[in-house]
Amino acid sequence: MSIGGIRVEILIQDSFSLKEKRKILNSLKEKILNNFNASIAEIDDNEIWNKSIIDIAIAAKDQYNLNDRILKIKNFLMRENGIEILKIEKL
């Protein structure tokens, strides 16, 4: 079994309050959980209404599958409306 993840710094374009930010992040978390069976948590910039740093953790049967799932999640995030990726790093 292989375990890995990514840290993603995002700008939330349609957020003008912490309440809107939470709504957008909760929707994003739900989509990632349902589509990729990955865990996601906001780890920094909690009090900034239009920015967030999230960690996404993934478990896979081997390194090849892990890298494939990470790539699919990155592609998903790049296509997601309402957010702009500022930085992605592998954990």
PDB file of N, CA and C in Angstrom:
ATOM      1  N   MET A   1       0.843  -1.174   0.000  1.00  0.00           N
ATOM      2  CA  MET A   1       0.000   0.000   0.000  1.00  0.00           C
ATOM      3  C   MET A   1       0.886   1.233   0.000  1.00  0.00           C
ATOM      4  N   SER A   2       0.456   2.243  -0.752  1.00  0.00           N
ATOM      5  CA  SER A   2       1.161   3.518  -0.817  1.00  0.00           C
ATOM      6  C   SER A   2       0.246   4.620  -0.304  1.00  0.00           C
ATOM      7  N   ILE A   3       0.835   5.550   0.431  1.00  0.00           N
ATOM      8  CA  ILE A   3       0.091   6.687   0.978  1.00  0.00           C
ATOM      9  C   ILE A   3       0.818   7.956   0.577  1.00  0.00           C
ATOM     10  N   GLY A   4       0.073   8.948   0.147  1.00  0.00           N
ATOM     11  CA  GLY A   4       0.668  10.214  -0.248  1.00  0.00           C
ATOM     12  C   GLY A   4      -0.370  11.300  -0.247  1.00  0.00           C
ATOM     13  N   GLY A   5       0.038  12.439  -0.748  1.00  0.00           N
ATOM     14  CA  GLY A   5      -0.914  13.534  -0.800  1.00  0.00           C
ATOM     15  C   GLY A   5      -0.328  14.764  -1.425  1.00  0.00           C
ATOM     16  N   ILE A   6      -1.162  15.787  -1.472  1.00  0.00           N
ATOM     17  CA  ILE A   6      -0.759  17.068  -2.016  1.00  0.00           C
ATOM     18  C   ILE A   6      -1.256  18.184  -1.106  1.00  0.00           C
ATOM     19  N   ARG A   7      -0.534  19.282  -1.128  1.00  0.00           N
ATOM     20  CA  ARG A   7      -0.949  20.511  -0.451  1.00  0.00           C
ATOM     21  C   ARG A   7      -1.263  21.515  -1.548  1.00  0.00           C
ATOM     22  N   VAL A   8      -2.446  22.113  -1.448  1.00  0.00           N
ATOM     23  CA  VAL A   8      -2.914  23.013  -2.490  1.00  0.00           C
ATOM     24  C   VAL A   8      -3.274  24.361  -1.870  1.00  0.00           C
ATOM     25  N   GLU A   9      -2.686  25.406  -2.417  1.00  0.00           N
ATOM     26  CA  GLU A   9      -3.024  26.769  -2.014  1.00  0.00           C
ATOM     27  C   GLU A   9      -3.980  27.308  -3.066  1.00  0.00           C
ATOM     28  N   ILE A  10      -5.168  27.716  -2.628  1.00  0.00           N
ATOM     29  CA  ILE A  10      -6.189  28.156  -3.581  1.00  0.00           C
ATOM     30  C   ILE A  10      -6.699  29.555  -3.253  1.00  0.00           C
ATOM     31  N   LEU A  11      -7.082  30.242  -4.295  1.00  0.00           N
ATOM     32  CA  LEU A  11      -7.768  31.520  -4.180  1.00  0.00           C
ATOM     33  C   LEU A  11      -9.224  31.252  -4.538  1.00  0.00           C
ATOM     34  N   ILE A  12     -10.121  31.635  -3.657  1.00  0.00           N
ATOM     35  CA  ILE A  12     -11.549  31.386  -3.870  1.00  0.00           C
ATOM     36  C   ILE A  12     -12.155  32.667  -4.429  1.00  0.00           C
ATOM     37  N   GLN A  13     -12.400  32.668  -5.717  1.00  0.00           N
ATOM     38  CA  GLN A  13     -12.777  33.885  -6.436  1.00  0.00           C
ATOM     39  C   GLN A  13     -14.166  34.405  -6.072  1.00  0.00           C
ATOM     40  N   ASP A  14     -15.096  33.529  -5.771  1.00  0.00           N
ATOM     41  CA  ASP A  14     -16.485  33.932  -5.517  1.00  0.00           C
ATOM     42  C   ASP A  14     -16.806  34.075  -4.040  1.00  0.00           C
ATOM     43  N   SER A  15     -15.800  34.244  -3.215  1.00  0.00           N
ATOM     44  CA  SER A  15     -16.018  34.345  -1.776  1.00  0.00           C
ATOM     45  C   SER A  15     -15.744  35.759  -1.291  1.00  0.00           C
ATOM     46  N   PHE A  16     -16.716  36.315  -0.568  1.00  0.00           N
ATOM     47  CA  PHE A  16     -16.562  37.653   0.001  1.00  0.00           C
ATOM     48  C   PHE A  16     -16.819  37.659   1.498  1.00  0.00           C
ATOM     49  N   SER A  17     -16.899  36.448   2.086  1.00  0.00           N
ATOM     50  CA  SER A  17     -17.057  36.312   3.531  1.00  0.00           C
ATOM     51  C   SER A  17     -16.603  34.910   3.929  1.00  0.00           C
ATOM     52  N   LEU A  18     -16.381  34.714   5.208  1.00  0.00           N
ATOM     53  CA  LEU A  18     -16.000  33.384   5.692  1.00  0.00           C
ATOM     54  C   LEU A  18     -17.121  32.372   5.487  1.00  0.00           C
ATOM     55  N   LYS A  19     -18.363  32.833   5.568  1.00  0.00           N
ATOM     56  CA  LYS A  19     -19.505  31.946   5.355  1.00  0.00           C
ATOM     57  C   LYS A  19     -19.520  31.419   3.919  1.00  0.00           C
ATOM     58  N   GLU A  20     -19.288  32.302   2.953  1.00  0.00           N
ATOM     59  CA  GLU A  20     -19.228  31.875   1.548  1.00  0.00           C
ATOM     60  C   GLU A  20     -18.047  30.946   1.307  1.00  0.00           C
ATOM     61  N   LYS A  21     -16.917  31.260   1.947  1.00  0.00           N
ATOM     62  CA  LYS A  21     -15.726  30.412   1.810  1.00  0.00           C
ATOM     63  C   LYS A  21     -16.029  28.994   2.296  1.00  0.00           C
ATOM     64  N   ARG A  22     -16.640  28.868   3.455  1.00  0.00           N
ATOM     65  CA  ARG A  22     -16.969  27.544   4.008  1.00  0.00           C
ATOM     66  C   ARG A  22     -17.897  26.775   3.079  1.00  0.00           C
ATOM     67  N   LYS A  23     -18.870  27.464   2.501  1.00  0.00           N
ATOM     68  CA  LYS A  23     -19.808  26.811   1.590  1.00  0.00           C
ATOM     69  C   LYS A  23     -19.072  26.254   0.371  1.00  0.00           C
ATOM     70  N   ILE A  24     -18.185  27.044  -0.211  1.00  0.00           N
ATOM     71  CA  ILE A  24     -17.419  26.620  -1.393  1.00  0.00           C
ATOM     72  C   ILE A  24     -16.466  25.489  -1.029  1.00  0.00           C
ATOM     73  N   LEU A  25     -15.766  25.611   0.108  1.00  0.00           N
ATOM     74  CA  LEU A  25     -14.831  24.558   0.528  1.00  0.00           C
ATOM     75  C   LEU A  25     -15.552  23.254   0.848  1.00  0.00           C
ATOM     76  N   ASN A  26     -16.704  23.345   1.504  1.00  0.00           N
ATOM     77  CA  ASN A  26     -17.455  22.123   1.811  1.00  0.00           C
ATOM     78  C   ASN A  26     -17.901  21.411   0.537  1.00  0.00           C
ATOM     79  N   SER A  27     -18.306  22.181  -0.458  1.00  0.00           N
ATOM     80  CA  SER A  27     -18.683  21.592  -1.742  1.00  0.00           C
ATOM     81  C   SER A  27     -17.472  20.927  -2.399  1.00  0.00           C
ATOM     82  N   LEU A  28     -16.331  21.589  -2.368  1.00  0.00           N
ATOM     83  CA  LEU A  28     -15.107  21.041  -2.949  1.00  0.00           C
ATOM     84  C   LEU A  28     -14.687  19.765  -2.227  1.00  0.00           C
ATOM     85  N   LYS A  29     -14.756  19.774  -0.900  1.00  0.00           N
ATOM     86  CA  LYS A  29     -14.400  18.586  -0.108  1.00  0.00           C
ATOM     87  C   LYS A  29     -15.301  17.407  -0.470  1.00  0.00           C
ATOM     88  N   GLU A  30     -16.587  17.682  -0.589  1.00  0.00           N
ATOM     89  CA  GLU A  30     -17.546  16.625  -0.918  1.00  0.00           C
ATOM     90  C   GLU A  30     -17.259  16.021  -2.295  1.00  0.00           C
ATOM     91  N   LYS A  31     -16.956  16.874  -3.274  1.00  0.00           N
ATOM     92  CA  LYS A  31     -16.654  16.388  -4.624  1.00  0.00           C
ATOM     93  C   LYS A  31     -15.395  15.523  -4.636  1.00  0.00           C
ATOM     94  N   ILE A  32     -14.367  15.954  -3.922  1.00  0.00           N
ATOM     95  CA  ILE A  32     -13.112  15.192  -3.887  1.00  0.00           C
ATOM     96  C   ILE A  32     -13.324  13.856  -3.172  1.00  0.00           C
ATOM     97  N   LEU A  33     -14.048  13.884  -2.071  1.00  0.00           N
ATOM     98  CA  LEU A  33     -14.330  12.643  -1.346  1.00  0.00           C
ATOM     99  C   LEU A  33     -15.124  11.672  -2.207  1.00  0.00           C
ATOM    100  N   ASN A  34     -16.166  12.152  -2.857  1.00  0.00           N
ATOM    101  CA  ASN A  34     -17.034  11.284  -3.658  1.00  0.00           C
ATOM    102  C   ASN A  34     -16.371  10.783  -4.936  1.00  0.00           C
ATOM    103  N   ASN A  35     -15.594  11.640  -5.589  1.00  0.00           N
ATOM    104  CA  ASN A  35     -15.002  11.260  -6.876  1.00  0.00           C
ATOM    105  C   ASN A  35     -13.681  10.513  -6.755  1.00  0.00           C
ATOM    106  N   PHE A  36     -12.920  10.776  -5.691  1.00  0.00           N
ATOM    107  CA  PHE A  36     -11.570  10.224  -5.605  1.00  0.00           C
ATOM    108  C   PHE A  36     -11.305   9.440  -4.326  1.00  0.00           C
ATOM    109  N   ASN A  37     -12.277   9.371  -3.448  1.00  0.00           N
ATOM    110  CA  ASN A  37     -12.133   8.652  -2.176  1.00  0.00           C
ATOM    111  C   ASN A  37     -10.863   9.097  -1.446  1.00  0.00           C
ATOM    112  N   ALA A  38     -10.684  10.404  -1.358  1.00  0.00           N
ATOM    113  CA  ALA A  38      -9.520  10.991  -0.702  1.00  0.00           C
ATOM    114  C   ALA A  38      -9.993  11.832   0.481  1.00  0.00           C
ATOM    115  N   SER A  39      -9.126  12.010   1.450  1.00  0.00           N
ATOM    116  CA  SER A  39      -9.434  12.850   2.601  1.00  0.00           C
ATOM    117  C   SER A  39      -8.902  14.250   2.344  1.00  0.00           C
ATOM    118  N   ILE A  40      -9.636  15.249   2.808  1.00  0.00           N
ATOM    119  CA  ILE A  40      -9.251  16.632   2.570  1.00  0.00           C
ATOM    120  C   ILE A  40      -9.508  17.451   3.829  1.00  0.00           C
ATOM    121  N   ALA A  41      -8.570  18.349   4.135  1.00  0.00           N
ATOM    122  CA  ALA A  41      -8.723  19.218   5.301  1.00  0.00           C
ATOM    123  C   ALA A  41      -8.076  20.571   5.026  1.00  0.00           C
ATOM    124  N   GLU A  42      -8.724  21.621   5.515  1.00  0.00           N
ATOM    125  CA  GLU A  42      -8.128  22.951   5.440  1.00  0.00           C
ATOM    126  C   GLU A  42      -7.107  23.059   6.567  1.00  0.00           C
ATOM    127  N   ILE A  43      -5.881  23.406   6.223  1.00  0.00           N
ATOM    128  CA  ILE A  43      -4.832  23.410   7.239  1.00  0.00           C
ATOM    129  C   ILE A  43      -4.295  24.795   7.572  1.00  0.00           C
ATOM    130  N   ASP A  44      -4.591  25.793   6.736  1.00  0.00           N
ATOM    131  CA  ASP A  44      -4.078  27.133   6.998  1.00  0.00           C
ATOM    132  C   ASP A  44      -4.946  28.165   6.303  1.00  0.00           C
ATOM    133  N   ASP A  45      -4.733  29.418   6.655  1.00  0.00           N
ATOM    134  CA  ASP A  45      -5.502  30.553   6.135  1.00  0.00           C
ATOM    135  C   ASP A  45      -6.985  30.415   6.465  1.00  0.00           C
ATOM    136  N   ASN A  46      -7.276  29.905   7.653  1.00  0.00           N
ATOM    137  CA  ASN A  46      -8.656  29.656   8.065  1.00  0.00           C
ATOM    138  C   ASN A  46      -9.491  30.926   8.173  1.00  0.00           C
ATOM    139  N   GLU A  47      -8.857  32.028   8.539  1.00  0.00           N
ATOM    140  CA  GLU A  47      -9.605  33.259   8.763  1.00  0.00           C
ATOM    141  C   GLU A  47      -9.531  34.238   7.593  1.00  0.00           C
ATOM    142  N   ILE A  48      -8.942  33.820   6.489  1.00  0.00           N
ATOM    143  CA  ILE A  48      -8.895  34.661   5.294  1.00  0.00           C
ATOM    144  C   ILE A  48     -10.051  34.243   4.395  1.00  0.00           C
ATOM    145  N   TRP A  49     -10.917  35.178   4.040  1.00  0.00           N
ATOM    146  CA  TRP A  49     -12.179  34.843   3.381  1.00  0.00           C
ATOM    147  C   TRP A  49     -12.051  34.425   1.931  1.00  0.00           C
ATOM    148  N   ASN A  50     -10.908  34.678   1.271  1.00  0.00           N
ATOM    149  CA  ASN A  50     -10.823  34.315  -0.143  1.00  0.00           C
ATOM    150  C   ASN A  50      -9.612  33.445  -0.476  1.00  0.00           C
ATOM    151  N   LYS A  51      -8.997  32.865   0.530  1.00  0.00           N
ATOM    152  CA  LYS A  51      -7.812  32.041   0.307  1.00  0.00           C
ATOM    153  C   LYS A  51      -7.831  30.871   1.281  1.00  0.00           C
ATOM    154  N   SER A  52      -7.246  29.752   0.846  1.00  0.00           N
ATOM    155  CA  SER A  52      -7.193  28.578   1.707  1.00  0.00           C
ATOM    156  C   SER A  52      -6.011  27.697   1.311  1.00  0.00           C
ATOM    157  N   ILE A  53      -5.486  26.992   2.286  1.00  0.00           N
ATOM    158  CA  ILE A  53      -4.488  25.953   2.031  1.00  0.00           C
ATOM    159  C   ILE A  53      -5.091  24.648   2.520  1.00  0.00           C
ATOM    160  N   ILE A  54      -5.189  23.684   1.593  1.00  0.00           N
ATOM    161  CA  ILE A  54      -5.791  22.397   1.928  1.00  0.00           C
ATOM    162  C   ILE A  54      -4.791  21.272   1.680  1.00  0.00           C
ATOM    163  N   ASP A  55      -4.901  20.232   2.492  1.00  0.00           N
ATOM    164  CA  ASP A  55      -4.147  19.001   2.276  1.00  0.00           C
ATOM    165  C   ASP A  55      -5.119  17.930   1.826  1.00  0.00           C
ATOM    166  N   ILE A  56      -4.684  17.153   0.839  1.00  0.00           N
ATOM    167  CA  ILE A  56      -5.485  16.037   0.336  1.00  0.00           C
ATOM    168  C   ILE A  56      -4.645  14.784   0.495  1.00  0.00           C
ATOM    169  N   ALA A  57      -5.153  13.811   1.246  1.00  0.00           N
ATOM    170  CA  ALA A  57      -4.437  12.560   1.500  1.00  0.00           C
ATOM    171  C   ALA A  57      -5.096  11.420   0.739  1.00  0.00           C
ATOM    172  N   ILE A  58      -4.235  10.536   0.181  1.00  0.00           N
ATOM    173  CA  ILE A  58      -4.712   9.441  -0.662  1.00  0.00           C
ATOM    174  C   ILE A  58      -3.988   8.158  -0.291  1.00  0.00           C
ATOM    175  N   ALA A  59      -4.724   7.067  -0.266  1.00  0.00           N
ATOM    176  CA  ALA A  59      -4.129   5.737  -0.109  1.00  0.00           C
ATOM    177  C   ALA A  59      -4.432   4.946  -1.376  1.00  0.00           C
ATOM    178  N   ALA A  60      -3.433   4.205  -1.855  1.00  0.00           N
ATOM    179  CA  ALA A  60      -3.604   3.408  -3.070  1.00  0.00           C
ATOM    180  C   ALA A  60      -2.852   2.097  -2.918  1.00  0.00           C
ATOM    181  N   LYS A  61      -3.148   1.148  -3.802  1.00  0.00           N
ATOM    182  CA  LYS A  61      -2.532  -0.174  -3.677  1.00  0.00           C
ATOM    183  C   LYS A  61      -1.054  -0.185  -4.027  1.00  0.00           C
ATOM    184  N   ASP A  62      -0.604   0.776  -4.878  1.00  0.00           N
ATOM    185  CA  ASP A  62       0.823   0.856  -5.213  1.00  0.00           C
ATOM    186  C   ASP A  62       1.160   2.286  -5.639  1.00  0.00           C
ATOM    187  N   GLN A  63       2.429   2.547  -5.858  1.00  0.00           N
ATOM    188  CA  GLN A  63       2.896   3.888  -6.184  1.00  0.00           C
ATOM    189  C   GLN A  63       2.342   4.381  -7.520  1.00  0.00           C
ATOM    190  N   TYR A  64       2.223   3.493  -8.489  1.00  0.00           N
ATOM    191  CA  TYR A  64       1.677   3.875  -9.798  1.00  0.00           C
ATOM    192  C   TYR A  64       0.251   4.400  -9.653  1.00  0.00           C
ATOM    193  N   ASN A  65      -0.602   3.658  -8.937  1.00  0.00           N
ATOM    194  CA  ASN A  65      -1.988   4.083  -8.735  1.00  0.00           C
ATOM    195  C   ASN A  65      -2.071   5.365  -7.918  1.00  0.00           C
ATOM    196  N   LEU A  66      -1.179   5.510  -6.949  1.00  0.00           N
ATOM    197  CA  LEU A  66      -1.147   6.721  -6.143  1.00  0.00           C
ATOM    198  C   LEU A  66      -0.839   7.935  -7.021  1.00  0.00           C
ATOM    199  N   ASN A  67       0.195   7.834  -7.837  1.00  0.00           N
ATOM    200  CA  ASN A  67       0.556   8.946  -8.719  1.00  0.00           C
ATOM    201  C   ASN A  67      -0.556   9.260  -9.715  1.00  0.00           C
ATOM    202  N   ASP A  68      -1.226   8.231 -10.217  1.00  0.00           N
ATOM    203  CA  ASP A  68      -2.330   8.412 -11.149  1.00  0.00           C
ATOM    204  C   ASP A  68      -3.486   9.159 -10.483  1.00  0.00           C
ATOM    205  N   ARG A  69      -3.820   8.794  -9.270  1.00  0.00           N
ATOM    206  CA  ARG A  69      -4.919   9.458  -8.557  1.00  0.00           C
ATOM    207  C   ARG A  69      -4.570  10.904  -8.217  1.00  0.00           C
ATOM    208  N   ILE A  70      -3.307  11.137  -7.842  1.00  0.00           N
ATOM    209  CA  ILE A  70      -2.877  12.511  -7.559  1.00  0.00           C
ATOM    210  C   ILE A  70      -3.009  13.366  -8.817  1.00  0.00           C
ATOM    211  N   LEU A  71      -2.599  12.841  -9.944  1.00  0.00           N
ATOM    212  CA  LEU A  71      -2.708  13.566 -11.211  1.00  0.00           C
ATOM    213  C   LEU A  71      -4.169  13.864 -11.546  1.00  0.00           C
ATOM    214  N   LYS A  72      -5.044  12.901 -11.341  1.00  0.00           N
ATOM    215  CA  LYS A  72      -6.465  13.115 -11.612  1.00  0.00           C
ATOM    216  C   LYS A  72      -7.054  14.189 -10.703  1.00  0.00           C
ATOM    217  N   ILE A  73      -6.639  14.210  -9.442  1.00  0.00           N
ATOM    218  CA  ILE A  73      -7.124  15.238  -8.518  1.00  0.00           C
ATOM    219  C   ILE A  73      -6.609  16.610  -8.938  1.00  0.00           C
ATOM    220  N   LYS A  74      -5.339  16.688  -9.323  1.00  0.00           N
ATOM    221  CA  LYS A  74      -4.791  17.963  -9.797  1.00  0.00           C
ATOM    222  C   LYS A  74      -5.566  18.467 -11.007  1.00  0.00           C
ATOM    223  N   ASN A  75      -5.832  17.597 -11.956  1.00  0.00           N
ATOM    224  CA  ASN A  75      -6.590  17.978 -13.156  1.00  0.00           C
ATOM    225  C   ASN A  75      -7.999  18.439 -12.802  1.00  0.00           C
ATOM    226  N   PHE A  76      -8.624  17.732 -11.861  1.00  0.00           N
ATOM    227  CA  PHE A  76      -9.954  18.112 -11.399  1.00  0.00           C
ATOM    228  C   PHE A  76      -9.934  19.526 -10.805  1.00  0.00           C
ATOM    229  N   LEU A  77      -8.948  19.798  -9.955  1.00  0.00           N
ATOM    230  CA  LEU A  77      -8.855  21.110  -9.318  1.00  0.00           C
ATOM    231  C   LEU A  77      -8.604  22.218 -10.336  1.00  0.00           C
ATOM    232  N   MET A  78      -7.808  21.932 -11.354  1.00  0.00           N
ATOM    233  CA  MET A  78      -7.517  22.932 -12.382  1.00  0.00           C
ATOM    234  C   MET A  78      -8.773  23.307 -13.180  1.00  0.00           C
ATOM    235  N   ARG A  79      -9.700  22.366 -13.315  1.00  0.00           N
ATOM    236  CA  ARG A  79     -10.931  22.608 -14.079  1.00  0.00           C
ATOM    237  C   ARG A  79     -12.069  23.155 -13.219  1.00  0.00           C
ATOM    238  N   GLU A  80     -11.918  23.117 -11.917  1.00  0.00           N
ATOM    239  CA  GLU A  80     -12.999  23.504 -11.003  1.00  0.00           C
ATOM    240  C   GLU A  80     -13.280  25.009 -11.098  1.00  0.00           C
ATOM    241  N   ASN A  81     -14.543  25.352 -11.311  1.00  0.00           N
ATOM    242  CA  ASN A  81     -14.953  26.754 -11.393  1.00  0.00           C
ATOM    243  C   ASN A  81     -14.944  27.394 -10.010  1.00  0.00           C
ATOM    244  N   GLY A  82     -14.596  28.665  -9.969  1.00  0.00           N
ATOM    245  CA  GLY A  82     -14.680  29.419  -8.725  1.00  0.00           C
ATOM    246  C   GLY A  82     -13.416  29.423  -7.888  1.00  0.00           C
ATOM    247  N   ILE A  83     -12.424  28.610  -8.263  1.00  0.00           N
ATOM    248  CA  ILE A  83     -11.159  28.618  -7.528  1.00  0.00           C
ATOM    249  C   ILE A  83     -10.004  28.785  -8.508  1.00  0.00           C
ATOM    250  N   GLU A  84      -8.943  29.369  -7.998  1.00  0.00           N
ATOM    251  CA  GLU A  84      -7.712  29.505  -8.758  1.00  0.00           C
ATOM    252  C   GLU A  84      -6.592  28.856  -7.961  1.00  0.00           C
ATOM    253  N   ILE A  85      -5.849  27.969  -8.592  1.00  0.00           N
ATOM    254  CA  ILE A  85      -4.743  27.276  -7.937  1.00  0.00           C
ATOM    255  C   ILE A  85      -3.539  28.212  -7.906  1.00  0.00           C
ATOM    256  N   LEU A  86      -3.056  28.505  -6.708  1.00  0.00           N
ATOM    257  CA  LEU A  86      -1.880  29.345  -6.566  1.00  0.00           C
ATOM    258  C   LEU A  86      -0.602  28.503  -6.482  1.00  0.00           C
ATOM    259  N   LYS A  87      -0.734  27.332  -5.845  1.00  0.00           N
ATOM    260  CA  LYS A  87       0.438  26.468  -5.652  1.00  0.00           C
ATOM    261  C   LYS A  87      -0.023  25.053  -5.329  1.00  0.00           C
ATOM    262  N   ILE A  88       0.686  24.069  -5.881  1.00  0.00           N
ATOM    263  CA  ILE A  88       0.452  22.665  -5.548  1.00  0.00           C
ATOM    264  C   ILE A  88       1.806  22.039  -5.256  1.00  0.00           C
ATOM    265  N   GLU A  89       1.887  21.334  -4.136  1.00  0.00           N
ATOM    266  CA  GLU A  89       3.115  20.610  -3.824  1.00  0.00           C
ATOM    267  C   GLU A  89       2.780  19.210  -3.324  1.00  0.00           C
ATOM    268  N   LYS A  90       3.629  18.269  -3.684  1.00  0.00           N
ATOM    269  CA  LYS A  90       3.437  16.892  -3.271  1.00  0.00           C
ATOM    270  C   LYS A  90       3.952  16.717  -1.848  1.00  0.00           C
ATOM    271  N   LEU A  91       3.212  15.975  -1.048  1.00  0.00           N
ATOM    272  CA  LEU A  91       3.617  15.726   0.340  1.00  0.00           C
ATOM    273  C   LEU A  91       4.342  14.417   0.467  1.00  0.00           C
TER     274      LEU A  91
END
